[in-house]
């Protein structure tokens, strides 16, 4: 084993060849991992679309992901609630002012 390592280190041509082989192996592994991730994401999107289209209930974690509730601080949920409160308050204020104007 030591002879192989010393031969690779001493001869630049062998070192370049070994580095090239290692780089090709790493590239192939990364390519397969990325392809697998894309397939999993597509399958998850199709699953969510089918369940949503059929009117079924998503599992709790998927429902939270769909509603953006799984981020660290819950900023999206708070922002959504604030917008809803603002819309409700504005529409309630407009309807009460418009009803008093009609009288």
Protein backbone atom coordinates (compact mmCIF):
# COMPACT_ATOMS: atom_id res chain seq x y z
CA UNK A 1 0.00 0.00 0.00
CA UNK A 2 2.85 2.37 0.84
CA UNK A 3 4.50 1.55 -2.47
CA UNK A 4 1.37 2.55 -4.39
CA UNK A 5 1.07 5.85 -2.52
CA UNK A 6 4.76 6.66 -2.96
CA UNK A 7 4.57 5.81 -6.67
CA UNK A 8 1.53 8.07 -7.12
CA UNK A 9 3.16 10.93 -5.26
CA UNK A 10 6.55 10.62 -6.97
CA UNK A 11 5.26 10.45 -10.55
CA UNK A 12 3.22 13.49 -11.65
CA UNK A 13 1.59 11.62 -14.51
CA UNK A 14 0.21 8.98 -12.14
CA UNK A 15 -0.89 11.68 -9.72
CA UNK A 16 -2.80 13.52 -12.45
CA UNK A 17 -4.42 10.27 -13.60
CA UNK A 18 -5.46 9.35 -10.04
CA UNK A 19 -6.83 12.85 -9.42
CA UNK A 20 -8.79 12.66 -12.68
CA UNK A 21 -10.29 9.29 -11.73
CA UNK A 22 -11.27 10.59 -8.28
CA UNK A 23 -12.82 13.72 -9.83
CA UNK A 24 -14.85 11.62 -12.29
CA UNK A 25 -16.12 9.38 -9.47
CA UNK A 26 -17.12 12.39 -7.34
CA UNK A 27 -18.83 14.02 -10.34
CA UNK A 28 -20.78 10.84 -11.08
CA UNK A 29 -21.90 10.50 -7.45
CA UNK A 30 -23.01 14.14 -7.26
CA UNK A 31 -24.85 13.79 -10.56
CA UNK A 32 -26.75 10.76 -9.27
CA UNK A 33 -27.58 12.46 -5.98
CA UNK A 34 -28.92 15.54 -7.76
CA UNK A 35 -30.97 13.37 -10.13
CA UNK A 36 -32.40 11.48 -7.15
CA UNK A 37 -33.31 14.74 -5.40
CA UNK A 38 -35.08 16.03 -8.52
CA UNK A 39 -37.05 12.80 -8.85
CA UNK A 40 -38.06 12.94 -5.17
CA UNK A 41 -39.17 16.58 -5.50
CA UNK A 42 -41.20 15.81 -8.62
CA UNK A 43 -42.82 12.80 -6.92
CA UNK A 44 -43.65 14.92 -3.84
CA UNK A 45 -45.17 17.65 -6.02
CA UNK A 46 -47.28 15.12 -7.91
CA UNK A 47 -48.40 13.54 -4.61
CA UNK A 48 -49.42 16.90 -3.15
CA UNK A 49 -51.24 17.84 -6.37
CA UNK A 50 -53.16 14.55 -6.48
CA UNK A 51 -54.15 14.75 -2.82
CA UNK A 52 -55.16 18.40 -3.16
CA UNK A 53 -57.12 17.72 -6.36
CA UNK A 54 -58.96 14.76 -4.86
CA UNK A 55 -59.96 16.86 -1.85
CA UNK A 56 -58.08 14.70 0.60
CA UNK A 57 -56.32 15.89 3.71
CA UNK A 58 -52.56 16.25 3.58
CA UNK A 59 -50.51 14.86 6.44
CA UNK A 60 -49.77 17.44 9.14
CA UNK A 61 -46.15 18.09 8.15
CA UNK A 62 -47.04 18.56 4.47
CA UNK A 63 -49.90 20.88 5.45
CA UNK A 64 -47.43 22.95 7.49
CA UNK A 65 -45.00 23.08 4.58
CA UNK A 66 -47.81 24.11 2.25
CA UNK A 67 -48.80 26.91 4.63
CA UNK A 68 -45.15 27.96 5.19
CA UNK A 69 -45.38 27.30 8.93
CA UNK A 70 -42.18 25.29 9.24
CA UNK A 71 -39.69 28.11 8.95
CA UNK A 72 -37.77 28.97 12.11
CA UNK A 73 -39.61 32.04 13.37
CA UNK A 74 -43.00 31.55 11.72
CA UNK A 75 -42.68 34.92 9.99
CA UNK A 76 -44.90 33.93 7.07
CA UNK A 77 -47.72 32.87 9.39
CA UNK A 78 -47.47 36.10 11.40
CA UNK A 79 -47.39 38.18 8.23
CA UNK A 80 -50.43 36.34 6.87
CA UNK A 81 -52.34 36.90 10.14
CA UNK A 82 -51.43 40.61 10.18
CA UNK A 83 -52.61 41.07 6.60
CA UNK A 84 -55.90 39.30 7.36
CA UNK A 85 -56.44 41.47 10.47
CA UNK A 86 -55.71 44.62 8.48
CA UNK A 87 -58.15 43.62 5.73
CA UNK A 88 -60.84 42.78 8.27
CA UNK A 89 -60.31 46.04 10.18
CA UNK A 90 -60.33 48.10 7.00
CA UNK A 91 -63.42 46.46 5.60
CA UNK A 92 -65.18 46.73 8.97
CA UNK A 93 -64.27 50.42 9.19
CA UNK A 94 -65.47 51.11 5.65
CA UNK A 95 -68.74 49.27 6.13
CA UNK A 96 -69.54 51.12 9.37
CA UNK A 97 -68.65 54.50 7.84
CA UNK A 98 -70.64 53.79 4.71
CA UNK A 99 -73.65 52.66 6.74
CA UNK A 100 -73.51 55.86 8.83
CA UNK A 101 -73.29 57.94 5.64
CA UNK A 102 -76.43 56.30 4.27
CA UNK A 103 -78.45 57.36 7.31
